[in-house]
């Protein structure tokens, strides 16, 4: 038997040897990141809304609205990740991994809606600035920086950044931290200068930054939903790896797409030369190479070379 048959099996190959319903399960990480981020950001949003309305800071209200949007997005992402862990069914033969992609799309729409509200309100208030109580606003904004950085850290470990759903959550939280930092600087400047219009100007800037992050996430989500080659997968490298397998003389009908925000799938036809490796040994080596390139589920069809 070929030497690779006795080697340690790559985790991605182990996935492909599971019973069919479990091959298409989305592999989730710990739900603690979602749970604690929802709790912390819900409490933060409530506090910021009270202080923002109570002390006249539109920038802080905008930050709170964005945080509430992220809480909703985190809940969508958490629910989608749990749904994606269910095994495939006779009707949903690929499982429910795409639910995490839909959650990313919903997140993007929520962010863009929140940004539009903040920008419109900021423009309307520029002409008639409201007096701002800088100290309470600064304290709430500082808490926003701490909470969002802490929440983002929960998503940064465990190798989860290749998952678009979790990466989207972390990007939102880091954006929130930057937004809160801008509100903090604005509040301190208002305290020092008395220029209340800075709060409205900051709110507009916050809205534009949030809109930019939402547009980027929307683009990434649509690309995945349209079955584009997932980010991080080099299609040319994949083809070269398959052609380098002993016995393979040509590769065609090569397709790679995302089954979820963390799992990629591939189908391909491999033309093989006569003799050499057995069919099983050739398929095993090809799947090992694909697994090293980040493709955990592959379906390969072997064909004789044209001269045969």
C-alpha atoms as a PDB file:
ATOM      1  CA  UNK A   1       0.000   0.000   0.000  1.00  0.00           C
ATOM      2  CA  UNK A   2       1.119   3.558  -0.626  1.00  0.00           C
ATOM      3  CA  UNK A   3       3.141   5.107   2.180  1.00  0.00           C
ATOM      4  CA  UNK A   4       0.532   7.787   2.877  1.00  0.00           C
ATOM      5  CA  UNK A   5      -1.985   5.117   3.801  1.00  0.00           C
ATOM      6  CA  UNK A   6      -0.074   4.534   7.038  1.00  0.00           C
ATOM      7  CA  UNK A   7       0.650   8.173   7.786  1.00  0.00           C
ATOM      8  CA  UNK A   8      -1.330  10.239  10.242  1.00  0.00           C
ATOM      9  CA  UNK A   9      -4.587  11.198   8.575  1.00  0.00           C
ATOM     10  CA  UNK A  10      -5.189  14.939   8.087  1.00  0.00           C
ATOM     11  CA  UNK A  11      -8.231  16.236  10.055  1.00  0.00           C
ATOM     12  CA  UNK A  12      -9.898  17.327   6.825  1.00  0.00           C
ATOM     13  CA  UNK A  13      -9.619  13.776   5.482  1.00  0.00           C
ATOM     14  CA  UNK A  14     -11.104  12.457   8.729  1.00  0.00           C
ATOM     15  CA  UNK A  15     -14.114  14.723   8.138  1.00  0.00           C
ATOM     16  CA  UNK A  16     -14.628  13.151   4.727  1.00  0.00           C
ATOM     17  CA  UNK A  17     -14.616   9.659   6.287  1.00  0.00           C
ATOM     18  CA  UNK A  18     -17.469  10.503   8.641  1.00  0.00           C
ATOM     19  CA  UNK A  19     -21.003   9.260   7.869  1.00  0.00           C
ATOM     20  CA  UNK A  20     -22.519  11.425   5.134  1.00  0.00           C
ATOM     21  CA  UNK A  21     -24.869  13.558   7.337  1.00  0.00           C
ATOM     22  CA  UNK A  22     -21.905  14.592   9.497  1.00  0.00           C
ATOM     23  CA  UNK A  23     -19.537  15.398   6.626  1.00  0.00           C
ATOM     24  CA  UNK A  24     -21.480  18.575   5.913  1.00  0.00           C
ATOM     25  CA  UNK A  25     -21.673  19.797   9.489  1.00  0.00           C
ATOM     26  CA  UNK A  26     -20.267  23.238  10.157  1.00  0.00           C
ATOM     27  CA  UNK A  27     -17.537  22.923  12.825  1.00  0.00           C
ATOM     28  CA  UNK A  28     -18.238  25.569  15.460  1.00  0.00           C
ATOM     29  CA  UNK A  29     -16.038  26.939  18.143  1.00  0.00           C
ATOM     30  CA  UNK A  30     -16.976  27.769  21.696  1.00  0.00           C
ATOM     31  CA  UNK A  31     -20.275  29.720  21.978  1.00  0.00           C
ATOM     32  CA  UNK A  32     -18.797  31.684  24.908  1.00  0.00           C
ATOM     33  CA  UNK A  33     -17.582  34.464  22.572  1.00  0.00           C
ATOM     34  CA  UNK A  34     -21.107  35.098  21.301  1.00  0.00           C
ATOM     35  CA  UNK A  35     -22.722  34.753  24.721  1.00  0.00           C
ATOM     36  CA  UNK A  36     -20.439  37.162  26.575  1.00  0.00           C
ATOM     37  CA  UNK A  37     -20.332  39.650  23.697  1.00  0.00           C
ATOM     38  CA  UNK A  38     -24.137  39.803  23.641  1.00  0.00           C
ATOM     39  CA  UNK A  39     -24.314  40.315  27.413  1.00  0.00           C
ATOM     40  CA  UNK A  40     -21.597  42.973  27.555  1.00  0.00           C
ATOM     41  CA  UNK A  41     -22.791  44.918  24.512  1.00  0.00           C
ATOM     42  CA  UNK A  42     -26.438  44.841  25.591  1.00  0.00           C
ATOM     43  CA  UNK A  43     -25.511  46.376  28.938  1.00  0.00           C
ATOM     44  CA  UNK A  44     -23.229  48.905  27.243  1.00  0.00           C
ATOM     45  CA  UNK A  45     -25.874  49.946  24.705  1.00  0.00           C
ATOM     46  CA  UNK A  46     -28.459  50.530  27.434  1.00  0.00           C
ATOM     47  CA  UNK A  47     -26.038  52.692  29.421  1.00  0.00           C
ATOM     48  CA  UNK A  48     -24.973  54.695  26.359  1.00  0.00           C
ATOM     49  CA  UNK A  49     -28.573  55.368  25.308  1.00  0.00           C
ATOM     50  CA  UNK A  50     -29.477  56.653  28.778  1.00  0.00           C
ATOM     51  CA  UNK A  51     -26.424  58.934  28.958  1.00  0.00           C
ATOM     52  CA  UNK A  52     -26.650  59.981  25.298  1.00  0.00           C
ATOM     53  CA  UNK A  53     -30.274  61.104  25.526  1.00  0.00           C
ATOM     54  CA  UNK A  54     -29.868  62.414  29.069  1.00  0.00           C
ATOM     55  CA  UNK A  55     -26.852  64.602  28.278  1.00  0.00           C
ATOM     56  CA  UNK A  56     -27.556  65.482  24.644  1.00  0.00           C
ATOM     57  CA  UNK A  57     -24.831  63.551  22.790  1.00  0.00           C
ATOM     58  CA  UNK A  58     -25.933  62.396  19.333  1.00  0.00           C
ATOM     59  CA  UNK A  59     -22.520  60.834  18.754  1.00  0.00           C
ATOM     60  CA  UNK A  60     -22.979  58.630  21.827  1.00  0.00           C
ATOM     61  CA  UNK A  61     -26.542  57.748  20.783  1.00  0.00           C
ATOM     62  CA  UNK A  62     -25.167  56.793  17.364  1.00  0.00           C
ATOM     63  CA  UNK A  63     -22.557  54.608  19.033  1.00  0.00           C
ATOM     64  CA  UNK A  64     -25.280  52.976  21.138  1.00  0.00           C
ATOM     65  CA  UNK A  65     -27.464  52.328  18.063  1.00  0.00           C
ATOM     66  CA  UNK A  66     -24.520  50.738  16.319  1.00  0.00           C
ATOM     67  CA  UNK A  67     -23.870  48.589  19.387  1.00  0.00           C
ATOM     68  CA  UNK A  68     -27.527  47.510  19.415  1.00  0.00           C
ATOM     69  CA  UNK A  69     -27.220  46.591  15.744  1.00  0.00           C
ATOM     70  CA  UNK A  70     -24.199  44.510  16.608  1.00  0.00           C
ATOM     71  CA  UNK A  71     -26.088  42.796  19.441  1.00  0.00           C
ATOM     72  CA  UNK A  72     -28.769  41.815  16.926  1.00  0.00           C
ATOM     73  CA  UNK A  73     -26.052  40.728  14.497  1.00  0.00           C
ATOM     74  CA  UNK A  74     -24.319  38.673  17.181  1.00  0.00           C
ATOM     75  CA  UNK A  75     -27.617  36.964  18.002  1.00  0.00           C
ATOM     76  CA  UNK A  76     -28.166  36.191  14.315  1.00  0.00           C
ATOM     77  CA  UNK A  77     -24.613  34.870  14.007  1.00  0.00           C
ATOM     78  CA  UNK A  78     -24.896  32.785  17.174  1.00  0.00           C
ATOM     79  CA  UNK A  79     -28.194  31.281  16.074  1.00  0.00           C
ATOM     80  CA  UNK A  80     -26.872  30.579  12.580  1.00  0.00           C
ATOM     81  CA  UNK A  81     -23.775  28.888  13.981  1.00  0.00           C
ATOM     82  CA  UNK A  82     -25.906  26.622  16.155  1.00  0.00           C
ATOM     83  CA  UNK A  83     -28.166  25.833  13.197  1.00  0.00           C
ATOM     84  CA  UNK A  84     -25.158  25.057  11.008  1.00  0.00           C
ATOM     85  CA  UNK A  85     -24.023  22.425  13.538  1.00  0.00           C
ATOM     86  CA  UNK A  86     -27.035  20.266  12.689  1.00  0.00           C
ATOM     87  CA  UNK A  87     -26.281  17.305  10.407  1.00  0.00           C
ATOM     88  CA  UNK A  88     -27.472  17.122   6.816  1.00  0.00           C
ATOM     89  CA  UNK A  89     -30.952  15.797   6.059  1.00  0.00           C
ATOM     90  CA  UNK A  90     -32.468  14.064   3.023  1.00  0.00           C
ATOM     91  CA  UNK A  91     -33.765  17.469   1.888  1.00  0.00           C
ATOM     92  CA  UNK A  92     -30.849  19.679   2.961  1.00  0.00           C
ATOM     93  CA  UNK A  93     -28.091  17.352   1.808  1.00  0.00           C
ATOM     94  CA  UNK A  94     -25.342  19.932   2.361  1.00  0.00           C
ATOM     95  CA  UNK A  95     -26.511  20.644   5.892  1.00  0.00           C
ATOM     96  CA  UNK A  96     -27.199  24.150   7.182  1.00  0.00           C
ATOM     97  CA  UNK A  97     -23.763  25.736   6.874  1.00  0.00           C
ATOM     98  CA  UNK A  98     -25.094  28.474   4.577  1.00  0.00           C
ATOM     99  CA  UNK A  99     -27.046  29.915   7.503  1.00  0.00           C
ATOM    100  CA  UNK A 100     -23.810  31.491   8.749  1.00  0.00           C
ATOM    101  CA  UNK A 101     -23.408  33.207   5.365  1.00  0.00           C
ATOM    102  CA  UNK A 102     -26.953  34.562   5.576  1.00  0.00           C
ATOM    103  CA  UNK A 103     -26.196  35.848   9.077  1.00  0.00           C
ATOM    104  CA  UNK A 104     -23.208  37.773   7.718  1.00  0.00           C
ATOM    105  CA  UNK A 105     -25.435  39.332   5.049  1.00  0.00           C
ATOM    106  CA  UNK A 106     -28.052  40.356   7.629  1.00  0.00           C
ATOM    107  CA  UNK A 107     -25.287  41.843   9.795  1.00  0.00           C
ATOM    108  CA  UNK A 108     -24.120  43.980   6.885  1.00  0.00           C
ATOM    109  CA  UNK A 109     -27.633  45.305   6.216  1.00  0.00           C
ATOM    110  CA  UNK A 110     -28.145  46.151   9.904  1.00  0.00           C
ATOM    111  CA  UNK A 111     -24.867  48.054  10.019  1.00  0.00           C
ATOM    112  CA  UNK A 112     -25.736  50.088   6.900  1.00  0.00           C
ATOM    113  CA  UNK A 113     -29.170  50.965   8.312  1.00  0.00           C
ATOM    114  CA  UNK A 114     -27.670  52.112  11.627  1.00  0.00           C
ATOM    115  CA  UNK A 115     -25.084  54.214   9.768  1.00  0.00           C
ATOM    116  CA  UNK A 116     -27.767  55.929   7.683  1.00  0.00           C
ATOM    117  CA  UNK A 117     -29.740  56.918  10.806  1.00  0.00           C
ATOM    118  CA  UNK A 118     -26.686  58.413  12.514  1.00  0.00           C
ATOM    119  CA  UNK A 119     -25.521  60.341   9.423  1.00  0.00           C
ATOM    120  CA  UNK A 120     -28.957  61.881   8.768  1.00  0.00           C
ATOM    121  CA  UNK A 121     -29.396  62.902  12.408  1.00  0.00           C
ATOM    122  CA  UNK A 122     -25.886  64.356  12.526  1.00  0.00           C
ATOM    123  CA  UNK A 123     -26.474  66.499   9.429  1.00  0.00           C
ATOM    124  CA  UNK A 124     -29.777  67.775  10.809  1.00  0.00           C
ATOM    125  CA  UNK A 125     -28.211  68.732  14.141  1.00  0.00           C
ATOM    126  CA  UNK A 126     -25.176  70.523  12.673  1.00  0.00           C
ATOM    127  CA  UNK A 127     -27.274  73.632  12.082  1.00  0.00           C
ATOM    128  CA  UNK A 128     -28.535  73.756  15.667  1.00  0.00           C
ATOM    129  CA  UNK A 129     -25.971  72.235  18.057  1.00  0.00           C
ATOM    130  CA  UNK A 130     -27.207  70.984  21.406  1.00  0.00           C
ATOM    131  CA  UNK A 131     -25.255  71.682  24.596  1.00  0.00           C
ATOM    132  CA  UNK A 132     -23.296  68.603  25.577  1.00  0.00           C
ATOM    133  CA  UNK A 133     -22.349  67.428  29.075  1.00  0.00           C
ATOM    134  CA  UNK A 134     -18.896  66.148  28.202  1.00  0.00           C
ATOM    135  CA  UNK A 135     -17.846  64.170  31.311  1.00  0.00           C
ATOM    136  CA  UNK A 136     -20.660  61.554  31.421  1.00  0.00           C
ATOM    137  CA  UNK A 137     -20.383  61.118  27.640  1.00  0.00           C
ATOM    138  CA  UNK A 138     -16.618  60.629  27.875  1.00  0.00           C
ATOM    139  CA  UNK A 139     -17.017  57.997  30.616  1.00  0.00           C
ATOM    140  CA  UNK A 140     -19.628  56.068  28.604  1.00  0.00           C
ATOM    141  CA  UNK A 141     -17.478  56.245  25.468  1.00  0.00           C
ATOM    142  CA  UNK A 142     -14.436  54.997  27.388  1.00  0.00           C
ATOM    143  CA  UNK A 143     -16.473  52.043  28.625  1.00  0.00           C
ATOM    144  CA  UNK A 144     -17.443  51.398  25.023  1.00  0.00           C
ATOM    145  CA  UNK A 145     -13.784  51.138  23.998  1.00  0.00           C
ATOM    146  CA  UNK A 146     -13.015  48.672  26.800  1.00  0.00           C
ATOM    147  CA  UNK A 147     -16.102  46.485  26.299  1.00  0.00           C
ATOM    148  CA  UNK A 148     -15.721  46.239  22.529  1.00  0.00           C
ATOM    149  CA  UNK A 149     -12.007  45.460  22.651  1.00  0.00           C
ATOM    150  CA  UNK A 150     -12.669  42.788  25.274  1.00  0.00           C
ATOM    151  CA  UNK A 151     -15.486  41.295  23.172  1.00  0.00           C
ATOM    152  CA  UNK A 152     -13.356  41.325  20.007  1.00  0.00           C
ATOM    153  CA  UNK A 153     -10.603  39.478  21.867  1.00  0.00           C
ATOM    154  CA  UNK A 154     -13.050  36.664  22.601  1.00  0.00           C
ATOM    155  CA  UNK A 155     -13.359  36.047  18.846  1.00  0.00           C
ATOM    156  CA  UNK A 156      -9.657  36.373  18.032  1.00  0.00           C
ATOM    157  CA  UNK A 157      -8.436  33.086  19.496  1.00  0.00           C
ATOM    158  CA  UNK A 158      -8.856  29.438  18.584  1.00  0.00           C
ATOM    159  CA  UNK A 159      -8.254  29.856  14.855  1.00  0.00           C
ATOM    160  CA  UNK A 160     -11.713  31.267  14.197  1.00  0.00           C
ATOM    161  CA  UNK A 161     -10.690  34.149  11.934  1.00  0.00           C
ATOM    162  CA  UNK A 162     -11.058  32.006   8.803  1.00  0.00           C
ATOM    163  CA  UNK A 163     -14.810  31.825   9.599  1.00  0.00           C
ATOM    164  CA  UNK A 164     -16.582  34.763   7.911  1.00  0.00           C
ATOM    165  CA  UNK A 165     -19.388  34.674  10.462  1.00  0.00           C
ATOM    166  CA  UNK A 166     -17.020  35.031  13.436  1.00  0.00           C
ATOM    167  CA  UNK A 167     -14.689  37.368  11.560  1.00  0.00           C
ATOM    168  CA  UNK A 168     -17.680  39.600  10.804  1.00  0.00           C
ATOM    169  CA  UNK A 169     -18.536  39.705  14.503  1.00  0.00           C
ATOM    170  CA  UNK A 170     -14.957  40.627  15.419  1.00  0.00           C
ATOM    171  CA  UNK A 171     -14.756  43.323  12.725  1.00  0.00           C
ATOM    172  CA  UNK A 172     -17.986  44.865  14.028  1.00  0.00           C
ATOM    173  CA  UNK A 173     -16.657  44.924  17.565  1.00  0.00           C
ATOM    174  CA  UNK A 174     -13.333  46.470  16.557  1.00  0.00           C
ATOM    175  CA  UNK A 175     -15.223  49.077  14.525  1.00  0.00           C
ATOM    176  CA  UNK A 176     -17.349  49.807  17.587  1.00  0.00           C
ATOM    177  CA  UNK A 177     -14.198  50.279  19.653  1.00  0.00           C
ATOM    178  CA  UNK A 178     -12.890  52.800  17.114  1.00  0.00           C
ATOM    179  CA  UNK A 179     -16.264  54.560  17.066  1.00  0.00           C
ATOM    180  CA  UNK A 180     -16.312  54.770  20.855  1.00  0.00           C
ATOM    181  CA  UNK A 181     -12.766  56.159  20.804  1.00  0.00           C
ATOM    182  CA  UNK A 182     -13.879  58.884  18.364  1.00  0.00           C
ATOM    183  CA  UNK A 183     -16.816  59.754  20.628  1.00  0.00           C
ATOM    184  CA  UNK A 184     -14.434  59.882  23.617  1.00  0.00           C
ATOM    185  CA  UNK A 185     -12.089  62.306  21.853  1.00  0.00           C
ATOM    186  CA  UNK A 186     -15.060  64.431  20.757  1.00  0.00           C
ATOM    187  CA  UNK A 187     -16.440  64.602  24.309  1.00  0.00           C
ATOM    188  CA  UNK A 188     -13.048  65.649  25.706  1.00  0.00           C
ATOM    189  CA  UNK A 189     -12.700  68.358  23.038  1.00  0.00           C
ATOM    190  CA  UNK A 190     -16.201  69.658  23.808  1.00  0.00           C
ATOM    191  CA  UNK A 191     -15.241  69.877  27.488  1.00  0.00           C
ATOM    192  CA  UNK A 192     -12.079  71.813  26.638  1.00  0.00           C
ATOM    193  CA  UNK A 193     -13.429  74.137  23.930  1.00  0.00           C
ATOM    194  CA  UNK A 194     -17.189  74.331  24.409  1.00  0.00           C
ATOM    195  CA  UNK A 195     -17.685  73.615  20.694  1.00  0.00           C
ATOM    196  CA  UNK A 196     -20.899  71.585  20.834  1.00  0.00           C
ATOM    197  CA  UNK A 197     -21.016  71.192  17.052  1.00  0.00           C
ATOM    198  CA  UNK A 198     -18.099  68.739  17.364  1.00  0.00           C
ATOM    199  CA  UNK A 199     -20.524  66.130  18.652  1.00  0.00           C
ATOM    200  CA  UNK A 200     -22.649  66.322  15.472  1.00  0.00           C
ATOM    201  CA  UNK A 201     -19.564  66.318  13.247  1.00  0.00           C
ATOM    202  CA  UNK A 202     -18.246  63.274  15.099  1.00  0.00           C
ATOM    203  CA  UNK A 203     -21.609  61.545  14.692  1.00  0.00           C
ATOM    204  CA  UNK A 204     -21.402  62.038  10.907  1.00  0.00           C
ATOM    205  CA  UNK A 205     -17.834  60.707  10.849  1.00  0.00           C
ATOM    206  CA  UNK A 206     -18.901  57.743  12.978  1.00  0.00           C
ATOM    207  CA  UNK A 207     -21.755  57.027  10.582  1.00  0.00           C
ATOM    208  CA  UNK A 208     -19.465  57.130   7.547  1.00  0.00           C
ATOM    209  CA  UNK A 209     -16.941  54.774   9.187  1.00  0.00           C
ATOM    210  CA  UNK A 210     -19.709  52.367  10.137  1.00  0.00           C
ATOM    211  CA  UNK A 211     -21.147  52.512   6.598  1.00  0.00           C
ATOM    212  CA  UNK A 212     -17.737  51.679   5.133  1.00  0.00           C
ATOM    213  CA  UNK A 213     -17.364  48.582   7.336  1.00  0.00           C
ATOM    214  CA  UNK A 214     -20.920  47.535   6.510  1.00  0.00           C
ATOM    215  CA  UNK A 215     -20.324  47.912   2.764  1.00  0.00           C
ATOM    216  CA  UNK A 216     -17.166  45.784   2.952  1.00  0.00           C
ATOM    217  CA  UNK A 217     -18.974  43.070   4.878  1.00  0.00           C
ATOM    218  CA  UNK A 218     -21.897  43.201   2.415  1.00  0.00           C
ATOM    219  CA  UNK A 219     -19.495  42.720  -0.487  1.00  0.00           C
ATOM    220  CA  UNK A 220     -17.761  39.772   1.208  1.00  0.00           C
ATOM    221  CA  UNK A 221     -21.099  38.155   2.078  1.00  0.00           C
ATOM    222  CA  UNK A 222     -22.452  38.465  -1.464  1.00  0.00           C
ATOM    223  CA  UNK A 223     -19.258  37.049  -2.938  1.00  0.00           C
ATOM    224  CA  UNK A 224     -19.586  33.952  -0.736  1.00  0.00           C
ATOM    225  CA  UNK A 225     -23.316  33.549  -1.448  1.00  0.00           C
ATOM    226  CA  UNK A 226     -22.604  33.668  -5.191  1.00  0.00           C
ATOM    227  CA  UNK A 227     -20.346  30.604  -4.819  1.00  0.00           C
ATOM    228  CA  UNK A 228     -17.117  32.448  -5.537  1.00  0.00           C
ATOM    229  CA  UNK A 229     -13.843  30.805  -4.589  1.00  0.00           C
ATOM    230  CA  UNK A 230     -13.630  31.421  -0.803  1.00  0.00           C
ATOM    231  CA  UNK A 231     -11.095  33.938   0.528  1.00  0.00           C
ATOM    232  CA  UNK A 232      -7.821  32.244   1.374  1.00  0.00           C
ATOM    233  CA  UNK A 233      -8.160  29.594  -1.344  1.00  0.00           C
ATOM    234  CA  UNK A 234      -5.761  30.027  -4.281  1.00  0.00           C
ATOM    235  CA  UNK A 235      -7.426  28.243  -7.210  1.00  0.00           C
ATOM    236  CA  UNK A 236      -4.203  28.114  -9.223  1.00  0.00           C
ATOM    237  CA  UNK A 237      -2.360  26.558  -6.267  1.00  0.00           C
ATOM    238  CA  UNK A 238      -5.156  24.023  -5.885  1.00  0.00           C
ATOM    239  CA  UNK A 239      -4.902  22.996  -9.547  1.00  0.00           C
ATOM    240  CA  UNK A 240      -1.099  22.769  -9.359  1.00  0.00           C
ATOM    241  CA  UNK A 241      -1.328  20.595  -6.244  1.00  0.00           C
ATOM    242  CA  UNK A 242      -3.702  18.192  -7.982  1.00  0.00           C
ATOM    243  CA  UNK A 243      -1.525  18.045 -11.110  1.00  0.00           C
ATOM    244  CA  UNK A 244       1.495  17.245  -8.911  1.00  0.00           C
ATOM    245  CA  UNK A 245      -0.107  14.076  -7.536  1.00  0.00           C
ATOM    246  CA  UNK A 246       1.730  11.070  -9.071  1.00  0.00           C
ATOM    247  CA  UNK A 247      -0.280   9.621 -11.928  1.00  0.00           C
ATOM    248  CA  UNK A 248      -2.420  12.717 -12.602  1.00  0.00           C
ATOM    249  CA  UNK A 249      -1.895  14.049 -16.141  1.00  0.00           C
ATOM    250  CA  UNK A 250      -4.699  16.608 -16.368  1.00  0.00           C
ATOM    251  CA  UNK A 251      -7.290  18.404 -14.224  1.00  0.00           C
ATOM    252  CA  UNK A 252     -10.560  19.844 -15.495  1.00  0.00           C
ATOM    253  CA  UNK A 253     -14.083  20.768 -14.316  1.00  0.00           C
ATOM    254  CA  UNK A 254     -12.471  22.237 -11.201  1.00  0.00           C
ATOM    255  CA  UNK A 255     -14.927  24.035  -8.905  1.00  0.00           C
ATOM    256  CA  UNK A 256     -14.378  25.401  -5.378  1.00  0.00           C
ATOM    257  CA  UNK A 257     -17.033  27.090  -3.250  1.00  0.00           C
ATOM    258  CA  UNK A 258     -17.938  27.773   0.364  1.00  0.00           C
ATOM    259  CA  UNK A 259     -20.313  25.334   2.074  1.00  0.00           C
ATOM    260  CA  UNK A 260     -20.368  27.629   5.105  1.00  0.00           C
ATOM    261  CA  UNK A 261     -18.306  30.521   6.376  1.00  0.00           C
ATOM    262  CA  UNK A 262     -15.588  28.106   7.524  1.00  0.00           C
ATOM    263  CA  UNK A 263     -15.748  25.061   5.220  1.00  0.00           C
ATOM    264  CA  UNK A 264     -14.818  24.888   1.545  1.00  0.00           C
ATOM    265  CA  UNK A 265     -15.820  22.222  -0.952  1.00  0.00           C
ATOM    266  CA  UNK A 266     -14.311  21.099  -4.258  1.00  0.00           C
ATOM    267  CA  UNK A 267     -15.258  18.950  -7.220  1.00  0.00           C
ATOM    268  CA  UNK A 268     -12.839  18.049 -10.015  1.00  0.00           C
ATOM    269  CA  UNK A 269     -12.144  15.515 -12.747  1.00  0.00           C
ATOM    270  CA  UNK A 270      -8.655  13.999 -12.679  1.00  0.00           C
ATOM    271  CA  UNK A 271      -7.231  12.294 -15.751  1.00  0.00           C
ATOM    272  CA  UNK A 272      -4.743   9.633 -14.718  1.00  0.00           C
ATOM    273  CA  UNK A 273      -2.057   7.672 -16.487  1.00  0.00           C
ATOM    274  CA  UNK A 274      -2.158   3.855 -16.520  1.00  0.00           C
ATOM    275  CA  UNK A 275      -0.213   1.969 -13.868  1.00  0.00           C
ATOM    276  CA  UNK A 276       1.391   3.664 -10.874  1.00  0.00           C
ATOM    277  CA  UNK A 277      -0.742   4.335  -7.801  1.00  0.00           C
ATOM    278  CA  UNK A 278      -3.985   2.488  -7.241  1.00  0.00           C
ATOM    279  CA  UNK A 279      -7.200   4.490  -7.437  1.00  0.00           C
ATOM    280  CA  UNK A 280      -7.566   4.602  -3.649  1.00  0.00           C
ATOM    281  CA  UNK A 281      -3.953   5.622  -3.069  1.00  0.00           C
ATOM    282  CA  UNK A 282      -4.209   8.379  -5.689  1.00  0.00           C
ATOM    283  CA  UNK A 283      -7.464   9.696  -4.216  1.00  0.00           C
ATOM    284  CA  UNK A 284      -6.018   9.585  -0.689  1.00  0.00           C
ATOM    285  CA  UNK A 285      -2.949  11.607  -1.685  1.00  0.00           C
ATOM    286  CA  UNK A 286      -5.052  14.121  -3.631  1.00  0.00           C
ATOM    287  CA  UNK A 287      -7.367  14.642  -0.657  1.00  0.00           C
ATOM    288  CA  UNK A 288      -4.383  15.069   1.661  1.00  0.00           C
ATOM    289  CA  UNK A 289      -3.021  17.812  -0.592  1.00  0.00           C
ATOM    290  CA  UNK A 290      -6.413  19.542  -0.749  1.00  0.00           C
ATOM    291  CA  UNK A 291      -6.760  19.339   3.029  1.00  0.00           C
ATOM    292  CA  UNK A 292      -3.429  21.129   3.464  1.00  0.00           C
ATOM    293  CA  UNK A 293      -4.801  23.920   1.245  1.00  0.00           C
ATOM    294  CA  UNK A 294      -7.859  24.374   3.466  1.00  0.00           C
ATOM    295  CA  UNK A 295     -10.417  22.286   1.540  1.00  0.00           C
ATOM    296  CA  UNK A 296     -12.063  19.838   3.920  1.00  0.00           C
ATOM    297  CA  UNK A 297     -14.638  18.341   1.564  1.00  0.00           C
ATOM    298  CA  UNK A 298     -13.721  17.203  -1.941  1.00  0.00           C
ATOM    299  CA  UNK A 299     -15.309  14.980  -4.567  1.00  0.00           C
ATOM    300  CA  UNK A 300     -12.890  13.716  -7.222  1.00  0.00           C
ATOM    301  CA  UNK A 301     -13.729  11.791 -10.368  1.00  0.00           C
ATOM    302  CA  UNK A 302     -10.973   9.693 -11.959  1.00  0.00           C
ATOM    303  CA  UNK A 303     -10.831   9.394 -15.734  1.00  0.00           C
ATOM    304  CA  UNK A 304      -8.432   7.561 -18.074  1.00  0.00           C
ATOM    305  CA  UNK A 305      -5.991   9.660 -20.042  1.00  0.00           C
ATOM    306  CA  UNK A 306      -7.209  10.533 -23.597  1.00  0.00           C
ATOM    307  CA  UNK A 307      -4.830   8.095 -25.317  1.00  0.00           C
ATOM    308  CA  UNK A 308      -6.455   5.242 -23.399  1.00  0.00           C
END
